[in-house]
C-alpha atoms as a PDB file:
ATOM      1  CA  UNK A   1     -28.746  -3.762 -13.017  1.00  0.00           C
ATOM      2  CA  UNK A   2     -26.073  -2.721 -15.519  1.00  0.00           C
ATOM      3  CA  UNK A   3     -26.329   0.875 -14.581  1.00  0.00           C
ATOM      4  CA  UNK A   4     -25.939   0.103 -10.850  1.00  0.00           C
ATOM      5  CA  UNK A   5     -22.889  -2.077 -11.533  1.00  0.00           C
ATOM      6  CA  UNK A   6     -21.096   0.824 -13.178  1.00  0.00           C
ATOM      7  CA  UNK A   7     -21.242   2.764  -9.999  1.00  0.00           C
ATOM      8  CA  UNK A   8     -18.908   0.321  -8.299  1.00  0.00           C
ATOM      9  CA  UNK A   9     -15.474   2.006  -7.995  1.00  0.00           C
ATOM     10  CA  UNK A  10     -12.666   0.073  -9.623  1.00  0.00           C
ATOM     11  CA  UNK A  11      -9.113   0.054  -8.084  1.00  0.00           C
ATOM     12  CA  UNK A  12      -6.164  -1.537  -9.769  1.00  0.00           C
ATOM     13  CA  UNK A  13      -3.741  -3.182  -7.230  1.00  0.00           C
ATOM     14  CA  UNK A  14      -0.270  -4.197  -8.201  1.00  0.00           C
ATOM     15  CA  UNK A  15       1.142  -6.612  -5.662  1.00  0.00           C
ATOM     16  CA  UNK A  16       2.360 -10.041  -4.783  1.00  0.00           C
ATOM     17  CA  UNK A  17       0.294 -13.095  -3.839  1.00  0.00           C
ATOM     18  CA  UNK A  18       0.521 -14.045  -0.165  1.00  0.00           C
ATOM     19  CA  UNK A  19      -0.639 -17.627   0.478  1.00  0.00           C
ATOM     20  CA  UNK A  20      -1.637 -16.974   4.062  1.00  0.00           C
ATOM     21  CA  UNK A  21      -4.133 -14.435   2.848  1.00  0.00           C
ATOM     22  CA  UNK A  22      -2.680 -11.855   5.449  1.00  0.00           C
ATOM     23  CA  UNK A  23      -1.227  -9.374   3.137  1.00  0.00           C
ATOM     24  CA  UNK A  24      -0.410  -8.639  -0.598  1.00  0.00           C
ATOM     25  CA  UNK A  25      -2.991  -8.889  -3.254  1.00  0.00           C
ATOM     26  CA  UNK A  26      -5.317 -10.999  -1.034  1.00  0.00           C
ATOM     27  CA  UNK A  27      -5.434  -8.066   1.430  1.00  0.00           C
ATOM     28  CA  UNK A  28      -6.213  -5.677  -1.308  1.00  0.00           C
ATOM     29  CA  UNK A  29      -8.977  -7.716  -2.649  1.00  0.00           C
ATOM     30  CA  UNK A  30     -10.649  -8.331   0.719  1.00  0.00           C
ATOM     31  CA  UNK A  31     -10.225  -4.703   1.866  1.00  0.00           C
ATOM     32  CA  UNK A  32     -11.583  -3.229  -1.417  1.00  0.00           C
ATOM     33  CA  UNK A  33     -14.555  -5.768  -1.510  1.00  0.00           C
ATOM     34  CA  UNK A  34     -15.486  -4.856   2.090  1.00  0.00           C
ATOM     35  CA  UNK A  35     -15.596  -1.125   1.136  1.00  0.00           C
ATOM     36  CA  UNK A  36     -17.760  -1.656  -1.792  1.00  0.00           C
ATOM     37  CA  UNK A  37     -15.119  -1.421  -4.505  1.00  0.00           C
ATOM     38  CA  UNK A  38     -13.960  -3.808  -7.119  1.00  0.00           C
ATOM     39  CA  UNK A  39     -10.214  -4.820  -7.087  1.00  0.00           C
ATOM     40  CA  UNK A  40      -8.547  -5.584 -10.390  1.00  0.00           C
ATOM     41  CA  UNK A  41      -5.596  -7.747  -9.203  1.00  0.00           C
ATOM     42  CA  UNK A  42      -2.279  -7.396 -11.065  1.00  0.00           C
ATOM     43  CA  UNK A  43       0.076 -10.039  -9.650  1.00  0.00           C
ATOM     44  CA  UNK A  44       3.804  -9.044  -9.627  1.00  0.00           C
ATOM     45  CA  UNK A  45       5.247 -11.923  -7.744  1.00  0.00           C
ATOM     46  CA  UNK A  46       4.274 -15.204  -6.013  1.00  0.00           C
ATOM     47  CA  UNK A  47       5.663 -15.634  -2.508  1.00  0.00           C
ATOM     48  CA  UNK A  48       5.998 -18.601  -0.068  1.00  0.00           C
ATOM     49  CA  UNK A  49       5.427 -17.305   3.307  1.00  0.00           C
ATOM     50  CA  UNK A  50       3.648 -18.193   6.546  1.00  0.00           C
ATOM     51  CA  UNK A  51       2.433 -15.845   9.436  1.00  0.00           C
ATOM     52  CA  UNK A  52       5.982 -15.812  10.735  1.00  0.00           C
ATOM     53  CA  UNK A  53       8.252 -15.127   7.857  1.00  0.00           C
ATOM     54  CA  UNK A  54       8.882 -14.793   4.156  1.00  0.00           C
ATOM     55  CA  UNK A  55      10.419 -17.997   2.648  1.00  0.00           C
ATOM     56  CA  UNK A  56      10.750 -17.327  -1.052  1.00  0.00           C
ATOM     57  CA  UNK A  57       9.739 -14.957  -3.921  1.00  0.00           C
ATOM     58  CA  UNK A  58       9.149 -15.642  -7.443  1.00  0.00           C
ATOM     59  CA  UNK A  59       8.870 -12.695  -9.782  1.00  0.00           C
ATOM     60  CA  UNK A  60       6.241 -12.577 -12.495  1.00  0.00           C
ATOM     61  CA  UNK A  61       7.830 -11.902 -15.851  1.00  0.00           C
ATOM     62  CA  UNK A  62       7.519  -8.205 -16.780  1.00  0.00           C
ATOM     63  CA  UNK A  63       5.640  -8.556 -20.060  1.00  0.00           C
ATOM     64  CA  UNK A  64       2.892 -10.580 -18.259  1.00  0.00           C
ATOM     65  CA  UNK A  65       2.664  -8.010 -15.527  1.00  0.00           C
ATOM     66  CA  UNK A  66       2.053  -5.204 -18.095  1.00  0.00           C
ATOM     67  CA  UNK A  67      -0.309  -7.305 -20.116  1.00  0.00           C
ATOM     68  CA  UNK A  68      -2.427  -7.928 -17.004  1.00  0.00           C
ATOM     69  CA  UNK A  69      -2.698  -4.150 -16.428  1.00  0.00           C
ATOM     70  CA  UNK A  70      -3.218  -2.964 -19.981  1.00  0.00           C
ATOM     71  CA  UNK A  71      -5.995  -5.414 -20.916  1.00  0.00           C
ATOM     72  CA  UNK A  72      -8.001  -4.304 -17.842  1.00  0.00           C
ATOM     73  CA  UNK A  73      -7.310  -0.677 -18.323  1.00  0.00           C
ATOM     74  CA  UNK A  74      -8.703  -0.825 -21.791  1.00  0.00           C
ATOM     75  CA  UNK A  75     -11.848  -2.586 -20.447  1.00  0.00           C
ATOM     76  CA  UNK A  76     -12.710  -1.079 -17.116  1.00  0.00           C
ATOM     77  CA  UNK A  77     -12.782   2.436 -15.637  1.00  0.00           C
ATOM     78  CA  UNK A  78     -10.068   2.350 -12.983  1.00  0.00           C
ATOM     79  CA  UNK A  79     -10.541   5.080 -10.383  1.00  0.00           C
ATOM     80  CA  UNK A  80      -7.329   4.619  -8.397  1.00  0.00           C
ATOM     81  CA  UNK A  81      -4.020   2.685  -8.547  1.00  0.00           C
ATOM     82  CA  UNK A  82      -2.571   1.030  -5.434  1.00  0.00           C
ATOM     83  CA  UNK A  83       1.125  -0.214  -5.511  1.00  0.00           C
ATOM     84  CA  UNK A  84       2.499  -2.748  -3.068  1.00  0.00           C
ATOM     85  CA  UNK A  85       5.330  -5.324  -3.697  1.00  0.00           C
ATOM     86  CA  UNK A  86       6.464  -4.753  -7.257  1.00  0.00           C
ATOM     87  CA  UNK A  87       9.111  -7.582  -7.444  1.00  0.00           C
ATOM     88  CA  UNK A  88      12.078  -6.128  -9.324  1.00  0.00           C
ATOM     89  CA  UNK A  89      13.533  -3.184 -11.180  1.00  0.00           C
ATOM     90  CA  UNK A  90      12.078  -4.369 -14.430  1.00  0.00           C
ATOM     91  CA  UNK A  91       8.484  -4.505 -13.141  1.00  0.00           C
ATOM     92  CA  UNK A  92       8.865  -1.153 -11.396  1.00  0.00           C
ATOM     93  CA  UNK A  93      10.189   0.416 -14.800  1.00  0.00           C
ATOM     94  CA  UNK A  94       7.258  -1.072 -16.783  1.00  0.00           C
ATOM     95  CA  UNK A  95       4.587  -0.017 -14.170  1.00  0.00           C
ATOM     96  CA  UNK A  96       5.998   3.459 -14.398  1.00  0.00           C
ATOM     97  CA  UNK A  97       5.140   3.497 -18.171  1.00  0.00           C
ATOM     98  CA  UNK A  98       1.666   2.391 -17.455  1.00  0.00           C
ATOM     99  CA  UNK A  99       1.113   5.054 -14.775  1.00  0.00           C
ATOM    100  CA  UNK A 100       2.441   7.797 -17.060  1.00  0.00           C
ATOM    101  CA  UNK A 101      -0.241   6.936 -19.560  1.00  0.00           C
ATOM    102  CA  UNK A 102      -2.985   7.599 -16.965  1.00  0.00           C
ATOM    103  CA  UNK A 103      -1.881  10.786 -15.144  1.00  0.00           C
ATOM    104  CA  UNK A 104      -5.452  11.584 -14.079  1.00  0.00           C
ATOM    105  CA  UNK A 105      -5.672   8.406 -11.812  1.00  0.00           C
ATOM    106  CA  UNK A 106      -4.424   8.863  -8.295  1.00  0.00           C
ATOM    107  CA  UNK A 107      -1.583   6.511  -7.157  1.00  0.00           C
ATOM    108  CA  UNK A 108      -1.308   5.112  -3.639  1.00  0.00           C
ATOM    109  CA  UNK A 109       2.046   3.603  -3.086  1.00  0.00           C
ATOM    110  CA  UNK A 110       2.979   1.378  -0.136  1.00  0.00           C
ATOM    111  CA  UNK A 111       6.383   0.217  -0.895  1.00  0.00           C
ATOM    112  CA  UNK A 112       6.809  -3.458   0.429  1.00  0.00           C
ATOM    113  CA  UNK A 113      10.662  -3.655   0.606  1.00  0.00           C
ATOM    114  CA  UNK A 114      10.861  -6.780   2.998  1.00  0.00           C
ATOM    115  CA  UNK A 115      14.727  -6.869   3.382  1.00  0.00           C
ATOM    116  CA  UNK A 116      15.302  -4.327   0.618  1.00  0.00           C
ATOM    117  CA  UNK A 117      16.753  -1.894   3.016  1.00  0.00           C
ATOM    118  CA  UNK A 118      20.035  -3.861   3.316  1.00  0.00           C
ATOM    119  CA  UNK A 119      23.049  -2.532   1.503  1.00  0.00           C
ATOM    120  CA  UNK A 120      23.133  -5.286  -1.007  1.00  0.00           C
ATOM    121  CA  UNK A 121      23.871  -3.622  -4.477  1.00  0.00           C
ATOM    122  CA  UNK A 122      20.816  -5.056  -6.179  1.00  0.00           C
ATOM    123  CA  UNK A 123      18.496  -3.933  -3.468  1.00  0.00           C
ATOM    124  CA  UNK A 124      19.893  -0.474  -3.358  1.00  0.00           C
ATOM    125  CA  UNK A 125      19.441  -0.243  -7.068  1.00  0.00           C
ATOM    126  CA  UNK A 126      15.833  -1.427  -6.735  1.00  0.00           C
ATOM    127  CA  UNK A 127      15.233   1.259  -4.068  1.00  0.00           C
ATOM    128  CA  UNK A 128      16.812   3.927  -6.276  1.00  0.00           C
ATOM    129  CA  UNK A 129      14.586   2.862  -9.184  1.00  0.00           C
ATOM    130  CA  UNK A 130      11.339   3.168  -7.307  1.00  0.00           C
ATOM    131  CA  UNK A 131      12.353   6.601  -5.888  1.00  0.00           C
ATOM    132  CA  UNK A 132      13.278   7.984  -9.286  1.00  0.00           C
ATOM    133  CA  UNK A 133      10.561   6.273 -11.262  1.00  0.00           C
ATOM    134  CA  UNK A 134       7.549   5.887  -9.049  1.00  0.00           C
ATOM    135  CA  UNK A 135       7.763   8.605  -6.302  1.00  0.00           C
ATOM    136  CA  UNK A 136       7.167  11.440  -8.738  1.00  0.00           C
ATOM    137  CA  UNK A 137       3.995   9.830  -9.930  1.00  0.00           C
ATOM    138  CA  UNK A 138       2.606   9.014  -6.444  1.00  0.00           C
ATOM    139  CA  UNK A 139      -0.231  10.847  -4.886  1.00  0.00           C
ATOM    140  CA  UNK A 140      -0.004   9.268  -1.472  1.00  0.00           C
ATOM    141  CA  UNK A 141       3.180   7.499  -0.269  1.00  0.00           C
ATOM    142  CA  UNK A 142       2.707   5.314   2.844  1.00  0.00           C
ATOM    143  CA  UNK A 143       5.673   4.158   4.756  1.00  0.00           C
ATOM    144  CA  UNK A 144       6.323   3.127   8.340  1.00  0.00           C
ATOM    145  CA  UNK A 145       8.865   5.060  10.337  1.00  0.00           C
ATOM    146  CA  UNK A 146      11.654   2.501   9.837  1.00  0.00           C
ATOM    147  CA  UNK A 147      11.158   2.375   5.957  1.00  0.00           C
ATOM    148  CA  UNK A 148      11.059   6.147   6.032  1.00  0.00           C
ATOM    149  CA  UNK A 149      14.493   6.160   7.650  1.00  0.00           C
ATOM    150  CA  UNK A 150      15.832   3.422   5.409  1.00  0.00           C
ATOM    151  CA  UNK A 151      14.819   5.421   2.303  1.00  0.00           C
ATOM    152  CA  UNK A 152      16.338   8.660   3.538  1.00  0.00           C
ATOM    153  CA  UNK A 153      19.752   8.062   4.915  1.00  0.00           C
ATOM    154  CA  UNK A 154      21.195  10.956   6.797  1.00  0.00           C
ATOM    155  CA  UNK A 155      17.750  12.204   7.929  1.00  0.00           C
ATOM    156  CA  UNK A 156      17.770  12.401  11.757  1.00  0.00           C
ATOM    157  CA  UNK A 157      13.969  13.032  12.438  1.00  0.00           C
ATOM    158  CA  UNK A 158      10.794  11.898  10.894  1.00  0.00           C
ATOM    159  CA  UNK A 159      10.227  15.510   9.825  1.00  0.00           C
ATOM    160  CA  UNK A 160      13.497  15.397   7.891  1.00  0.00           C
ATOM    161  CA  UNK A 161      12.541  11.992   6.397  1.00  0.00           C
ATOM    162  CA  UNK A 162       9.195  13.314   5.224  1.00  0.00           C
ATOM    163  CA  UNK A 163      10.812  16.365   3.622  1.00  0.00           C
ATOM    164  CA  UNK A 164      13.226  14.267   1.781  1.00  0.00           C
ATOM    165  CA  UNK A 165      10.592  11.847   0.568  1.00  0.00           C
ATOM    166  CA  UNK A 166       8.628  14.794  -0.670  1.00  0.00           C
ATOM    167  CA  UNK A 167      11.559  16.159  -2.497  1.00  0.00           C
ATOM    168  CA  UNK A 168      11.339  13.066  -4.865  1.00  0.00           C
ATOM    169  CA  UNK A 169       7.933  14.073  -5.978  1.00  0.00           C
ATOM    170  CA  UNK A 170       5.018  12.422  -3.896  1.00  0.00           C
ATOM    171  CA  UNK A 171       2.151  14.811  -3.253  1.00  0.00           C
ATOM    172  CA  UNK A 172       1.519  13.463   0.263  1.00  0.00           C
ATOM    173  CA  UNK A 173       3.536  11.303   2.700  1.00  0.00           C
ATOM    174  CA  UNK A 174       1.864   9.355   5.464  1.00  0.00           C
ATOM    175  CA  UNK A 175       4.408   7.958   7.983  1.00  0.00           C
ATOM    176  CA  UNK A 176       3.093   5.419  10.417  1.00  0.00           C
ATOM    177  CA  UNK A 177       4.694   4.148  13.560  1.00  0.00           C
ATOM    178  CA  UNK A 178       3.377   0.600  13.398  1.00  0.00           C
ATOM    179  CA  UNK A 179       6.691  -0.916  14.599  1.00  0.00           C
ATOM    180  CA  UNK A 180       7.106   1.273  17.819  1.00  0.00           C
ATOM    181  CA  UNK A 181       5.887   0.395  21.227  1.00  0.00           C
ATOM    182  CA  UNK A 182       4.431   3.557  22.599  1.00  0.00           C
ATOM    183  CA  UNK A 183       0.823   3.177  24.012  1.00  0.00           C
ATOM    184  CA  UNK A 184      -0.632   5.046  21.120  1.00  0.00           C
ATOM    185  CA  UNK A 185       0.004   4.861  17.398  1.00  0.00           C
ATOM    186  CA  UNK A 186       0.952   8.200  16.025  1.00  0.00           C
ATOM    187  CA  UNK A 187       0.699   8.651  12.112  1.00  0.00           C
ATOM    188  CA  UNK A 188       2.074  11.732  10.589  1.00  0.00           C
ATOM    189  CA  UNK A 189       0.660  13.172   7.281  1.00  0.00           C
ATOM    190  CA  UNK A 190       2.798  15.725   5.262  1.00  0.00           C
ATOM    191  CA  UNK A 191       2.504  17.730   2.116  1.00  0.00           C
ATOM    192  CA  UNK A 192       4.387  20.655   0.672  1.00  0.00           C
ATOM    193  CA  UNK A 193       7.083  20.029   3.294  1.00  0.00           C
ATOM    194  CA  UNK A 194       4.754  20.676   6.097  1.00  0.00           C
ATOM    195  CA  UNK A 195       3.171  18.401   8.829  1.00  0.00           C
ATOM    196  CA  UNK A 196      -0.496  18.898   8.084  1.00  0.00           C
ATOM    197  CA  UNK A 197      -2.180  16.178  10.265  1.00  0.00           C
ATOM    198  CA  UNK A 198      -1.207  14.127  13.181  1.00  0.00           C
ATOM    199  CA  UNK A 199      -3.530  11.069  13.784  1.00  0.00           C
ATOM    200  CA  UNK A 200      -3.537   8.993  17.031  1.00  0.00           C
ATOM    201  CA  UNK A 201      -5.002   5.442  17.461  1.00  0.00           C
ATOM    202  CA  UNK A 202      -4.957   2.979  20.314  1.00  0.00           C
ATOM    203  CA  UNK A 203      -2.128   0.411  19.939  1.00  0.00           C
ATOM    204  CA  UNK A 204      -3.187  -3.248  20.264  1.00  0.00           C
ATOM    205  CA  UNK A 205      -0.561  -5.535  21.977  1.00  0.00           C
ATOM    206  CA  UNK A 206      -0.616  -8.200  19.292  1.00  0.00           C
ATOM    207  CA  UNK A 207       1.543  -8.339  16.213  1.00  0.00           C
ATOM    208  CA  UNK A 208      -0.187  -8.287  12.805  1.00  0.00           C
ATOM    209  CA  UNK A 209       0.640  -9.108   9.284  1.00  0.00           C
ATOM    210  CA  UNK A 210      -0.887  -7.086   6.487  1.00  0.00           C
ATOM    211  CA  UNK A 211      -1.491  -3.828   8.240  1.00  0.00           C
ATOM    212  CA  UNK A 212       0.194  -1.632   5.516  1.00  0.00           C
ATOM    213  CA  UNK A 213      -1.502  -3.533   2.670  1.00  0.00           C
ATOM    214  CA  UNK A 214      -4.802  -3.075   4.361  1.00  0.00           C
ATOM    215  CA  UNK A 215      -4.367   0.534   5.055  1.00  0.00           C
ATOM    216  CA  UNK A 216      -3.000   1.554   1.556  1.00  0.00           C
ATOM    217  CA  UNK A 217      -5.777  -0.525  -0.119  1.00  0.00           C
ATOM    218  CA  UNK A 218      -8.431   1.277   2.124  1.00  0.00           C
ATOM    219  CA  UNK A 219      -7.136   4.762   1.215  1.00  0.00           C
ATOM    220  CA  UNK A 220      -7.288   3.878  -2.535  1.00  0.00           C
ATOM    221  CA  UNK A 221     -10.873   2.652  -2.052  1.00  0.00           C
ATOM    222  CA  UNK A 222     -12.026   5.718  -0.359  1.00  0.00           C
ATOM    223  CA  UNK A 223     -10.250   7.887  -3.014  1.00  0.00           C
ATOM    224  CA  UNK A 224     -12.038   5.831  -5.670  1.00  0.00           C
ATOM    225  CA  UNK A 225     -15.270   6.625  -3.989  1.00  0.00           C
ATOM    226  CA  UNK A 226     -14.448  10.372  -4.542  1.00  0.00           C
ATOM    227  CA  UNK A 227     -13.634  11.260  -1.004  1.00  0.00           C
ATOM    228  CA  UNK A 228     -11.108  14.098  -0.498  1.00  0.00           C
ATOM    229  CA  UNK A 229      -7.456  13.141  -0.074  1.00  0.00           C
ATOM    230  CA  UNK A 230      -7.224  13.921   3.623  1.00  0.00           C
ATOM    231  CA  UNK A 231     -10.618  12.331   4.293  1.00  0.00           C
ATOM    232  CA  UNK A 232      -9.689   9.281   2.473  1.00  0.00           C
ATOM    233  CA  UNK A 233      -6.390   9.023   4.517  1.00  0.00           C
ATOM    234  CA  UNK A 234      -8.313   9.414   7.863  1.00  0.00           C
ATOM    235  CA  UNK A 235     -11.115   6.957   6.945  1.00  0.00           C
ATOM    236  CA  UNK A 236      -8.435   4.464   5.783  1.00  0.00           C
ATOM    237  CA  UNK A 237      -6.774   4.499   9.067  1.00  0.00           C
ATOM    238  CA  UNK A 238     -10.122   4.192  10.941  1.00  0.00           C
ATOM    239  CA  UNK A 239     -11.051   1.148   8.830  1.00  0.00           C
ATOM    240  CA  UNK A 240      -7.631  -0.476   9.462  1.00  0.00           C
ATOM    241  CA  UNK A 241      -7.800   0.105  13.165  1.00  0.00           C
ATOM    242  CA  UNK A 242     -11.127  -1.531  13.238  1.00  0.00           C
ATOM    243  CA  UNK A 243      -9.807  -4.496  11.270  1.00  0.00           C
ATOM    244  CA  UNK A 244      -7.012  -4.908  13.809  1.00  0.00           C
ATOM    245  CA  UNK A 245      -9.406  -4.569  16.732  1.00  0.00           C
ATOM    246  CA  UNK A 246     -11.330  -7.451  15.404  1.00  0.00           C
ATOM    247  CA  UNK A 247      -8.218  -9.445  14.224  1.00  0.00           C
ATOM    248  CA  UNK A 248      -7.705 -13.141  14.734  1.00  0.00           C
ATOM    249  CA  UNK A 249      -4.828 -15.652  14.909  1.00  0.00           C
ATOM    250  CA  UNK A 250      -5.031 -18.646  12.582  1.00  0.00           C
ATOM    251  CA  UNK A 251      -1.399 -19.792  12.401  1.00  0.00           C
ATOM    252  CA  UNK A 252       1.663 -19.835  14.692  1.00  0.00           C
ATOM    253  CA  UNK A 253       2.790 -16.222  13.947  1.00  0.00           C
ATOM    254  CA  UNK A 254       1.111 -12.830  13.537  1.00  0.00           C
ATOM    255  CA  UNK A 255      -2.460 -12.110  13.702  1.00  0.00           C
ATOM    256  CA  UNK A 256      -4.612 -11.259  10.679  1.00  0.00           C
ATOM    257  CA  UNK A 257      -6.614  -8.201  10.252  1.00  0.00           C
ATOM    258  CA  UNK A 258     -10.268  -8.985  10.085  1.00  0.00           C
ATOM    259  CA  UNK A 259     -11.030  -6.995   7.010  1.00  0.00           C
ATOM    260  CA  UNK A 260     -14.582  -8.462   6.515  1.00  0.00           C
ATOM    261  CA  UNK A 261     -15.588  -7.288  10.145  1.00  0.00           C
ATOM    262  CA  UNK A 262     -17.218  -4.213   8.877  1.00  0.00           C
ATOM    263  CA  UNK A 263     -19.648  -6.205   6.654  1.00  0.00           C
ATOM    264  CA  UNK A 264     -21.130  -7.928   9.785  1.00  0.00           C
ATOM    265  CA  UNK A 265     -22.092  -4.419  11.015  1.00  0.00           C
ATOM    266  CA  UNK A 266     -24.111  -3.550   8.054  1.00  0.00           C
END
């Protein structure tokens, strides 16, 4: 029994709590559980939100964020890091110090910026901090097309956005077009300043909350299971697409991905 348990891949997720269960750390836990992984959940913030909008955010004090991570890292064999909403500059800086101590562990980063793309000085400073501190430590950076453009002012194409993002140190960049309206979803994977893979998926008419969290957690889970990077990215998208296909609506806003749908097929 003990030997079998040790074969369960462990993924450490840094993210905020979402009381709807749609996104954030709840999405990470559900996704990784459904893929046969164990999620160690490091809470960076507490949010008040529904399926329509974010109402409020309370940042977890940085010492507690770091203590959550370090006590687990000293106890369990973490195979991948997944970063989502980090809260503030202090948390981002502290998480940077943790990641530097474990350079052999891959990092999947899905920056959840909410309204951080505005020109408010604090938000600009936060964005600059994650770019300088965390992008160089990131194995796979996952951003939607709008976020990619917000992070790379002056870039006039998605190729140019990807090149600028790669200049900051990420090994791979996956740009999704989840917020567009074309009949098909086209996701673009880059590394070494080249487009290496184009993925196309059927687009569903519904709006969903938690897609990016689900996708990034799934990719982290497949990496933790020792799949190659490009295979993990492809399988993570396939899993997410299936979750959206089986999605459901519980509130008055966006639908939720059905992250446990794959369990019913086993």
